[in-house]
PDB file of all heavy atoms in Angstrom:
ATOM      1  N   SER A   1     -63.683   6.919 -24.710  1.00  0.00           N
ATOM      2  CA  SER A   1     -65.007   7.275 -24.197  1.00  0.00           C
ATOM      3  C   SER A   1     -64.788   8.298 -23.031  1.00  0.00           C
ATOM      4  O   SER A   1     -65.760   9.182 -22.817  1.00  0.00           O
ATOM      5  CB  SER A   1     -65.955   6.144 -23.750  1.00  0.00           C
ATOM      6  OG  SER A   1     -66.169   5.383 -24.846  1.00  0.00           O
ATOM      7  N   VAL A   2     -63.855   8.204 -22.224  1.00  0.00           N
ATOM      8  CA  VAL A   2     -63.463   9.095 -21.160  1.00  0.00           C
ATOM      9  C   VAL A   2     -62.902  10.337 -21.673  1.00  0.00           C
ATOM     10  O   VAL A   2     -63.420  11.469 -21.330  1.00  0.00           O
ATOM     11  CB  VAL A   2     -62.399   8.476 -20.279  1.00  0.00           C
ATOM     12  CG1 VAL A   2     -62.006   9.482 -19.091  1.00  0.00           C
ATOM     13  CG2 VAL A   2     -62.898   7.158 -19.553  1.00  0.00           C
ATOM     14  N   ARG A   3     -62.108  10.241 -22.639  1.00  0.00           N
ATOM     15  CA  ARG A   3     -61.273  11.455 -23.345  1.00  0.00           C
ATOM     16  C   ARG A   3     -62.320  12.338 -24.215  1.00  0.00           C
ATOM     17  O   ARG A   3     -62.199  13.532 -24.313  1.00  0.00           O
ATOM     18  CB  ARG A   3     -60.147  11.025 -24.150  1.00  0.00           C
ATOM     19  CG  ARG A   3     -59.079  10.512 -23.415  1.00  0.00           C
ATOM     20  CD  ARG A   3     -57.914  10.044 -24.233  1.00  0.00           C
ATOM     21  NE  ARG A   3     -58.153   8.735 -24.885  1.00  0.00           N
ATOM     22  CZ  ARG A   3     -58.071   8.473 -26.189  1.00  0.00           C
ATOM     23  NH1 ARG A   3     -58.154   9.366 -27.058  1.00  0.00           N
ATOM     24  NH2 ARG A   3     -58.251   7.229 -26.644  1.00  0.00           N
ATOM     25  N   ALA A   4     -63.508  11.589 -24.605  1.00  0.00           N
ATOM     26  CA  ALA A   4     -64.441  12.438 -25.413  1.00  0.00           C
ATOM     27  C   ALA A   4     -65.029  13.533 -24.647  1.00  0.00           C
ATOM     28  O   ALA A   4     -65.608  14.478 -25.262  1.00  0.00           O
ATOM     29  CB  ALA A   4     -65.574  11.330 -25.745  1.00  0.00           C
ATOM     30  N   THR A   5     -65.028  13.406 -23.322  1.00  0.00           N
ATOM     31  CA  THR A   5     -65.528  14.576 -22.593  1.00  0.00           C
ATOM     32  C   THR A   5     -64.699  15.752 -22.560  1.00  0.00           C
ATOM     33  O   THR A   5     -65.027  16.894 -21.964  1.00  0.00           O
ATOM     34  CB  THR A   5     -65.745  14.162 -21.049  1.00  0.00           C
ATOM     35  OG1 THR A   5     -64.493  13.645 -20.576  1.00  0.00           O
ATOM     36  CG2 THR A   5     -66.772  12.961 -20.941  1.00  0.00           C
ATOM     37  N   GLY A   6     -63.482  15.559 -23.187  1.00  0.00           N
ATOM     38  CA  GLY A   6     -62.464  16.761 -23.223  1.00  0.00           C
ATOM     39  C   GLY A   6     -61.448  16.776 -22.205  1.00  0.00           C
ATOM     40  O   GLY A   6     -60.563  17.645 -22.157  1.00  0.00           O
ATOM     41  N   VAL A   7     -61.414  15.642 -21.299  1.00  0.00           N
ATOM     42  CA  VAL A   7     -60.363  15.701 -20.267  1.00  0.00           C
ATOM     43  C   VAL A   7     -59.073  15.226 -20.871  1.00  0.00           C
ATOM     44  O   VAL A   7     -58.903  14.703 -21.962  1.00  0.00           O
ATOM     45  CB  VAL A   7     -60.853  14.647 -19.187  1.00  0.00           C
ATOM     46  CG1 VAL A   7     -62.177  15.097 -18.507  1.00  0.00           C
ATOM     47  CG2 VAL A   7     -60.915  13.338 -19.606  1.00  0.00           C
ATOM     48  N   ARG A   8     -57.952  15.517 -20.041  1.00  0.00           N
ATOM     49  CA  ARG A   8     -56.634  14.902 -20.243  1.00  0.00           C
ATOM     50  C   ARG A   8     -56.383  13.758 -19.319  1.00  0.00           C
ATOM     51  O   ARG A   8     -56.519  13.849 -18.130  1.00  0.00           O
ATOM     52  CB  ARG A   8     -55.629  16.027 -20.212  1.00  0.00           C
ATOM     53  CG  ARG A   8     -54.229  15.733 -20.441  1.00  0.00           C
ATOM     54  CD  ARG A   8     -53.291  16.934 -20.359  1.00  0.00           C
ATOM     55  NE  ARG A   8     -53.219  17.440 -19.097  1.00  0.00           N
ATOM     56  CZ  ARG A   8     -52.120  17.027 -18.232  1.00  0.00           C
ATOM     57  NH1 ARG A   8     -51.332  16.075 -18.644  1.00  0.00           N
ATOM     58  NH2 ARG A   8     -52.025  17.657 -16.998  1.00  0.00           N
ATOM     59  N   MET A   9     -55.872  12.677 -19.887  1.00  0.00           N
ATOM     60  CA  MET A   9     -55.514  11.533 -19.124  1.00  0.00           C
ATOM     61  C   MET A   9     -54.052  11.796 -18.474  1.00  0.00           C
ATOM     62  O   MET A   9     -53.154  11.979 -19.269  1.00  0.00           O
ATOM     63  CB  MET A   9     -55.453  10.241 -19.850  1.00  0.00           C
ATOM     64  CG  MET A   9     -56.753   9.957 -20.642  1.00  0.00           C
ATOM     65  SD  MET A   9     -58.170   9.717 -19.454  1.00  0.00           S
ATOM     66  CE  MET A   9     -58.015   7.961 -19.002  1.00  0.00           C
ATOM     67  N   VAL A  10     -53.965  11.750 -17.136  1.00  0.00           N
ATOM     68  CA  VAL A  10     -52.675  11.860 -16.467  1.00  0.00           C
ATOM     69  C   VAL A  10     -52.263  10.607 -15.976  1.00  0.00           C
ATOM     70  O   VAL A  10     -52.744   9.869 -15.121  1.00  0.00           O
ATOM     71  CB  VAL A  10     -52.812  12.899 -15.368  1.00  0.00           C
ATOM     72  CG1 VAL A  10     -51.447  13.081 -14.622  1.00  0.00           C
ATOM     73  CG2 VAL A  10     -53.284  14.174 -15.772  1.00  0.00           C
ATOM     74  N   GLU A  11     -51.085  10.039 -16.568  1.00  0.00           N
ATOM     75  CA  GLU A  11     -50.630   8.603 -16.307  1.00  0.00           C
ATOM     76  C   GLU A  11     -49.547   8.697 -15.042  1.00  0.00           C
ATOM     77  O   GLU A  11     -48.796   9.537 -14.982  1.00  0.00           O
ATOM     78  CB  GLU A  11     -49.937   8.085 -17.504  1.00  0.00           C
ATOM     79  CG  GLU A  11     -50.807   7.895 -18.707  1.00  0.00           C
ATOM     80  CD  GLU A  11     -49.979   7.236 -19.854  1.00  0.00           C
ATOM     81  OE1 GLU A  11     -48.826   7.131 -19.649  1.00  0.00           O
ATOM     82  OE2 GLU A  11     -50.612   7.062 -20.874  1.00  0.00           O
ATOM     83  N   ILE A  12     -49.809   7.742 -14.214  1.00  0.00           N
ATOM     84  CA  ILE A  12     -48.965   7.634 -13.118  1.00  0.00           C
ATOM     85  C   ILE A  12     -48.669   6.011 -12.953  1.00  0.00           C
ATOM     86  O   ILE A  12     -49.395   5.216 -13.592  1.00  0.00           O
ATOM     87  CB  ILE A  12     -49.483   8.171 -11.702  1.00  0.00           C
ATOM     88  CG1 ILE A  12     -50.909   7.551 -11.409  1.00  0.00           C
ATOM     89  CG2 ILE A  12     -49.601   9.583 -11.901  1.00  0.00           C
ATOM     90  CD1 ILE A  12     -50.871   6.260 -10.576  1.00  0.00           C
ATOM     91  N   GLU A  13     -47.763   5.665 -12.119  1.00  0.00           N
ATOM     92  CA  GLU A  13     -47.444   4.247 -11.997  1.00  0.00           C
ATOM     93  C   GLU A  13     -47.528   3.882 -10.476  1.00  0.00           C
ATOM     94  O   GLU A  13     -48.008   2.756 -10.130  1.00  0.00           O
ATOM     95  CB  GLU A  13     -46.130   3.889 -12.435  1.00  0.00           C
ATOM     96  CG  GLU A  13     -46.034   3.954 -14.015  1.00  0.00           C
ATOM     97  CD  GLU A  13     -44.825   3.254 -14.679  1.00  0.00           C
ATOM     98  OE1 GLU A  13     -43.750   4.034 -14.741  1.00  0.00           O
ATOM     99  OE2 GLU A  13     -44.811   2.143 -15.118  1.00  0.00           O
ATOM    100  N   THR A  14     -47.006   4.711  -9.562  1.00  0.00           N
ATOM    101  CA  THR A  14     -47.094   4.284  -8.174  1.00  0.00           C
ATOM    102  C   THR A  14     -47.839   5.157  -7.382  1.00  0.00           C
ATOM    103  O   THR A  14     -48.511   6.069  -7.738  1.00  0.00           O
ATOM    104  CB  THR A  14     -45.503   4.541  -7.600  1.00  0.00           C
ATOM    105  OG1 THR A  14     -45.279   5.958  -7.494  1.00  0.00           O
ATOM    106  CG2 THR A  14     -44.632   3.849  -8.407  1.00  0.00           C
ATOM    107  N   ALA A  15     -48.148   4.738  -5.961  1.00  0.00           N
ATOM    108  CA  ALA A  15     -48.969   5.470  -5.142  1.00  0.00           C
ATOM    109  C   ALA A  15     -48.462   6.908  -4.952  1.00  0.00           C
ATOM    110  O   ALA A  15     -49.149   7.830  -4.753  1.00  0.00           O
ATOM    111  CB  ALA A  15     -49.333   4.689  -3.849  1.00  0.00           C
ATOM    112  N   ASP A  16     -47.097   6.878  -4.845  1.00  0.00           N
ATOM    113  CA  ASP A  16     -46.410   8.279  -4.540  1.00  0.00           C
ATOM    114  C   ASP A  16     -46.588   9.180  -5.613  1.00  0.00           C
ATOM    115  O   ASP A  16     -46.902  10.444  -5.540  1.00  0.00           O
ATOM    116  CB  ASP A  16     -44.963   8.002  -4.334  1.00  0.00           C
ATOM    117  CG  ASP A  16     -44.729   7.436  -2.818  1.00  0.00           C
ATOM    118  OD1 ASP A  16     -45.554   7.416  -2.030  1.00  0.00           O
ATOM    119  OD2 ASP A  16     -43.546   6.849  -2.744  1.00  0.00           O
ATOM    120  N   GLU A  17     -46.484   8.642  -6.828  1.00  0.00           N
ATOM    121  CA  GLU A  17     -46.883   9.465  -8.022  1.00  0.00           C
ATOM    122  C   GLU A  17     -48.231   9.967  -8.127  1.00  0.00           C
ATOM    123  O   GLU A  17     -48.487  11.075  -8.529  1.00  0.00           O
ATOM    124  CB  GLU A  17     -46.523   8.703  -9.316  1.00  0.00           C
ATOM    125  CG  GLU A  17     -45.009   8.407  -9.567  1.00  0.00           C
ATOM    126  CD  GLU A  17     -44.865   7.619 -10.875  1.00  0.00           C
ATOM    127  OE1 GLU A  17     -45.808   7.377 -11.621  1.00  0.00           O
ATOM    128  OE2 GLU A  17     -43.648   7.275 -11.099  1.00  0.00           O
ATOM    129  N   ALA A  18     -49.182   9.118  -7.743  1.00  0.00           N
ATOM    130  CA  ALA A  18     -50.487   9.532  -7.664  1.00  0.00           C
ATOM    131  C   ALA A  18     -50.789  10.665  -6.721  1.00  0.00           C
ATOM    132  O   ALA A  18     -51.520  11.543  -7.001  1.00  0.00           O
ATOM    133  CB  ALA A  18     -51.561   8.225  -7.290  1.00  0.00           C
ATOM    134  N   GLU A  19     -50.149  10.356  -5.558  1.00  0.00           N
ATOM    135  CA  GLU A  19     -50.307  11.516  -4.483  1.00  0.00           C
ATOM    136  C   GLU A  19     -49.854  12.822  -5.039  1.00  0.00           C
ATOM    137  O   GLU A  19     -50.476  13.865  -4.733  1.00  0.00           O
ATOM    138  CB  GLU A  19     -49.475  11.160  -3.346  1.00  0.00           C
ATOM    139  CG  GLU A  19     -49.988   9.985  -2.490  1.00  0.00           C
ATOM    140  CD  GLU A  19     -50.915  10.411  -1.394  1.00  0.00           C
ATOM    141  OE1 GLU A  19     -51.440  11.583  -1.409  1.00  0.00           O
ATOM    142  OE2 GLU A  19     -51.288   9.420  -0.502  1.00  0.00           O
ATOM    143  N   ARG A  20     -48.772  12.824  -5.805  1.00  0.00           N
ATOM    144  CA  ARG A  20     -48.280  14.135  -6.346  1.00  0.00           C
ATOM    145  C   ARG A  20     -49.016  14.744  -7.441  1.00  0.00           C
ATOM    146  O   ARG A  20     -49.292  15.890  -7.645  1.00  0.00           O
ATOM    147  CB  ARG A  20     -46.828  13.982  -6.713  1.00  0.00           C
ATOM    148  CG  ARG A  20     -45.812  13.770  -5.574  1.00  0.00           C
ATOM    149  CD  ARG A  20     -44.417  13.822  -6.067  1.00  0.00           C
ATOM    150  NE  ARG A  20     -44.052  12.949  -7.014  1.00  0.00           N
ATOM    151  CZ  ARG A  20     -43.515  11.631  -6.712  1.00  0.00           C
ATOM    152  NH1 ARG A  20     -43.330  11.387  -5.447  1.00  0.00           N
ATOM    153  NH2 ARG A  20     -43.397  10.758  -7.699  1.00  0.00           N
ATOM    154  N   ALA A  21     -49.692  13.793  -8.233  1.00  0.00           N
ATOM    155  CA  ALA A  21     -50.382  14.185  -9.348  1.00  0.00           C
ATOM    156  C   ALA A  21     -51.791  14.645  -9.103  1.00  0.00           C
ATOM    157  O   ALA A  21     -52.336  15.568  -9.842  1.00  0.00           O
ATOM    158  CB  ALA A  21     -50.521  13.031 -10.284  1.00  0.00           C
ATOM    159  N   ILE A  22     -52.512  14.291  -7.938  1.00  0.00           N
ATOM    160  CA  ILE A  22     -53.756  14.642  -7.605  1.00  0.00           C
ATOM    161  C   ILE A  22     -53.730  16.171  -7.290  1.00  0.00           C
ATOM    162  O   ILE A  22     -52.975  16.690  -6.388  1.00  0.00           O
ATOM    163  CB  ILE A  22     -54.359  13.847  -6.466  1.00  0.00           C
ATOM    164  CG1 ILE A  22     -54.490  12.421  -6.985  1.00  0.00           C
ATOM    165  CG2 ILE A  22     -55.785  14.490  -6.016  1.00  0.00           C
ATOM    166  CD1 ILE A  22     -54.862  11.467  -5.773  1.00  0.00           C
ATOM    167  N   GLY A  23     -54.615  16.987  -7.857  1.00  0.00           N
ATOM    168  CA  GLY A  23     -54.667  18.411  -7.546  1.00  0.00           C
ATOM    169  C   GLY A  23     -55.955  19.085  -7.804  1.00  0.00           C
ATOM    170  O   GLY A  23     -56.993  18.324  -8.088  1.00  0.00           O
ATOM    171  N   PRO A  24     -56.110  20.273  -7.875  1.00  0.00           N
ATOM    172  CA  PRO A  24     -57.305  20.987  -8.073  1.00  0.00           C
ATOM    173  C   PRO A  24     -58.015  20.752  -9.474  1.00  0.00           C
ATOM    174  O   PRO A  24     -59.189  21.060  -9.586  1.00  0.00           O
ATOM    175  CB  PRO A  24     -57.074  22.462  -7.950  1.00  0.00           C
ATOM    176  CG  PRO A  24     -55.566  22.520  -8.115  1.00  0.00           C
ATOM    177  CD  PRO A  24     -54.907  21.263  -7.690  1.00  0.00           C
ATOM    178  N   SER A  25     -57.263  20.224 -10.485  1.00  0.00           N
ATOM    179  CA  SER A  25     -57.812  20.062 -11.763  1.00  0.00           C
ATOM    180  C   SER A  25     -58.249  18.539 -11.935  1.00  0.00           C
ATOM    181  O   SER A  25     -58.791  18.144 -12.898  1.00  0.00           O
ATOM    182  CB  SER A  25     -56.795  20.285 -12.790  1.00  0.00           C
ATOM    183  OG  SER A  25     -56.512  21.668 -12.808  1.00  0.00           O
ATOM    184  N   THR A  26     -58.027  17.720 -10.934  1.00  0.00           N
ATOM    185  CA  THR A  26     -58.333  16.247 -10.966  1.00  0.00           C
ATOM    186  C   THR A  26     -59.854  16.060 -10.826  1.00  0.00           C
ATOM    187  O   THR A  26     -60.563  16.350  -9.943  1.00  0.00           O
ATOM    188  CB  THR A  26     -57.702  15.561  -9.819  1.00  0.00           C
ATOM    189  OG1 THR A  26     -56.254  15.752  -9.881  1.00  0.00           O
ATOM    190  CG2 THR A  26     -57.875  13.987 -10.160  1.00  0.00           C
ATOM    191  N   VAL A  27     -60.452  15.420 -11.974  1.00  0.00           N
ATOM    192  CA  VAL A  27     -61.782  15.183 -12.146  1.00  0.00           C
ATOM    193  C   VAL A  27     -62.250  13.897 -11.536  1.00  0.00           C
ATOM    194  O   VAL A  27     -63.138  13.745 -10.675  1.00  0.00           O
ATOM    195  CB  VAL A  27     -62.292  15.266 -13.677  1.00  0.00           C
ATOM    196  CG1 VAL A  27     -63.648  14.630 -13.906  1.00  0.00           C
ATOM    197  CG2 VAL A  27     -62.166  16.394 -14.306  1.00  0.00           C
ATOM    198  N   SER A  28     -61.443  12.870 -11.836  1.00  0.00           N
ATOM    199  CA  SER A  28     -61.772  11.493 -11.314  1.00  0.00           C
ATOM    200  C   SER A  28     -60.360  10.629 -11.371  1.00  0.00           C
ATOM    201  O   SER A  28     -59.521  11.069 -11.939  1.00  0.00           O
ATOM    202  CB  SER A  28     -62.943  10.931 -12.131  1.00  0.00           C
ATOM    203  OG  SER A  28     -62.452  10.722 -13.402  1.00  0.00           O
ATOM    204  N   MET A  29     -60.535   9.409 -10.951  1.00  0.00           N
ATOM    205  CA  MET A  29     -59.508   8.491 -10.988  1.00  0.00           C
ATOM    206  C   MET A  29     -60.055   7.210 -11.668  1.00  0.00           C
ATOM    207  O   MET A  29     -60.956   6.590 -11.029  1.00  0.00           O
ATOM    208  CB  MET A  29     -58.967   8.158  -9.469  1.00  0.00           C
ATOM    209  CG  MET A  29     -58.215   9.382  -8.966  1.00  0.00           C
ATOM    210  SD  MET A  29     -57.977   9.158  -7.116  1.00  0.00           S
ATOM    211  CE  MET A  29     -56.807   7.774  -7.245  1.00  0.00           C
ATOM    212  N   HIS A  30     -59.485   6.893 -12.786  1.00  0.00           N
ATOM    213  CA  HIS A  30     -60.083   5.864 -13.661  1.00  0.00           C
ATOM    214  C   HIS A  30     -59.326   4.546 -13.410  1.00  0.00           C
ATOM    215  O   HIS A  30     -58.147   4.553 -13.216  1.00  0.00           O
ATOM    216  CB  HIS A  30     -60.001   6.152 -15.022  1.00  0.00           C
ATOM    217  CG  HIS A  30     -60.819   5.266 -16.000  1.00  0.00           C
ATOM    218  ND1 HIS A  30     -61.985   5.336 -16.120  1.00  0.00           N
ATOM    219  CD2 HIS A  30     -60.273   4.275 -16.832  1.00  0.00           C
ATOM    220  CE1 HIS A  30     -62.394   4.310 -16.972  1.00  0.00           C
ATOM    221  NE2 HIS A  30     -61.259   3.830 -17.445  1.00  0.00           N
ATOM    222  N   PHE A  31     -60.090   3.480 -13.257  1.00  0.00           N
ATOM    223  CA  PHE A  31     -59.468   2.117 -12.956  1.00  0.00           C
ATOM    224  C   PHE A  31     -60.130   1.106 -13.953  1.00  0.00           C
ATOM    225  O   PHE A  31     -61.254   0.912 -13.988  1.00  0.00           O
ATOM    226  CB  PHE A  31     -59.869   1.763 -11.516  1.00  0.00           C
ATOM    227  CG  PHE A  31     -59.079   0.622 -11.008  1.00  0.00           C
ATOM    228  CD1 PHE A  31     -57.853   0.760 -10.458  1.00  0.00           C
ATOM    229  CD2 PHE A  31     -59.565  -0.644 -11.087  1.00  0.00           C
ATOM    230  CE1 PHE A  31     -57.052  -0.289  -9.839  1.00  0.00           C
ATOM    231  CE2 PHE A  31     -58.870  -1.839 -10.539  1.00  0.00           C
ATOM    232  CZ  PHE A  31     -57.730  -1.553  -9.929  1.00  0.00           C
ATOM    233  N   TYR A  32     -59.242   0.438 -14.641  1.00  0.00           N
ATOM    234  CA  TYR A  32     -59.681  -0.668 -15.528  1.00  0.00           C
ATOM    235  C   TYR A  32     -59.523  -2.034 -14.797  1.00  0.00           C
ATOM    236  O   TYR A  32     -58.382  -2.444 -14.600  1.00  0.00           O
ATOM    237  CB  TYR A  32     -58.846  -0.617 -16.902  1.00  0.00           C
ATOM    238  CG  TYR A  32     -59.079  -1.677 -17.841  1.00  0.00           C
ATOM    239  CD1 TYR A  32     -60.390  -2.129 -18.027  1.00  0.00           C
ATOM    240  CD2 TYR A  32     -58.145  -2.150 -18.692  1.00  0.00           C
ATOM    241  CE1 TYR A  32     -60.699  -3.163 -18.960  1.00  0.00           C
ATOM    242  CE2 TYR A  32     -58.382  -3.251 -19.643  1.00  0.00           C
ATOM    243  CZ  TYR A  32     -59.721  -3.745 -19.767  1.00  0.00           C
ATOM    244  OH  TYR A  32     -59.936  -4.587 -20.706  1.00  0.00           O
ATOM    245  N   CYS A  33     -60.533  -2.697 -14.378  1.00  0.00           N
ATOM    246  CA  CYS A  33     -60.481  -3.874 -13.613  1.00  0.00           C
ATOM    247  C   CYS A  33     -59.666  -4.941 -14.182  1.00  0.00           C
ATOM    248  O   CYS A  33     -58.889  -5.712 -13.309  1.00  0.00           O
ATOM    249  CB  CYS A  33     -61.841  -4.385 -13.343  1.00  0.00           C
ATOM    250  SG  CYS A  33     -62.834  -3.099 -12.399  1.00  0.00           S
ATOM    251  N   ASP A  34     -59.705  -5.310 -15.500  1.00  0.00           N
ATOM    252  CA  ASP A  34     -58.927  -6.331 -16.000  1.00  0.00           C
ATOM    253  C   ASP A  34     -57.410  -6.124 -15.890  1.00  0.00           C
ATOM    254  O   ASP A  34     -56.656  -6.975 -15.929  1.00  0.00           O
ATOM    255  CB  ASP A  34     -59.291  -6.417 -17.432  1.00  0.00           C
ATOM    256  CG  ASP A  34     -58.522  -7.577 -18.217  1.00  0.00           C
ATOM    257  OD1 ASP A  34     -58.410  -8.694 -17.575  1.00  0.00           O
ATOM    258  OD2 ASP A  34     -57.928  -7.469 -19.309  1.00  0.00           O
ATOM    259  N   ALA A  35     -56.946  -4.817 -15.723  1.00  0.00           N
ATOM    260  CA  ALA A  35     -55.528  -4.473 -15.719  1.00  0.00           C
ATOM    261  C   ALA A  35     -55.009  -4.435 -14.214  1.00  0.00           C
ATOM    262  O   ALA A  35     -53.807  -4.198 -14.050  1.00  0.00           O
ATOM    263  CB  ALA A  35     -55.451  -2.941 -16.327  1.00  0.00           C
TER     264      ALA A  35
END
């Protein structure tokens, strides 16, 4: 349902990876509570 908007999911694992991945093309940060 997120991808249906046309976005690309960018996968990271650590906070450092997240810091490097966030950029001018970042729309939002998705969080699945159960996970």
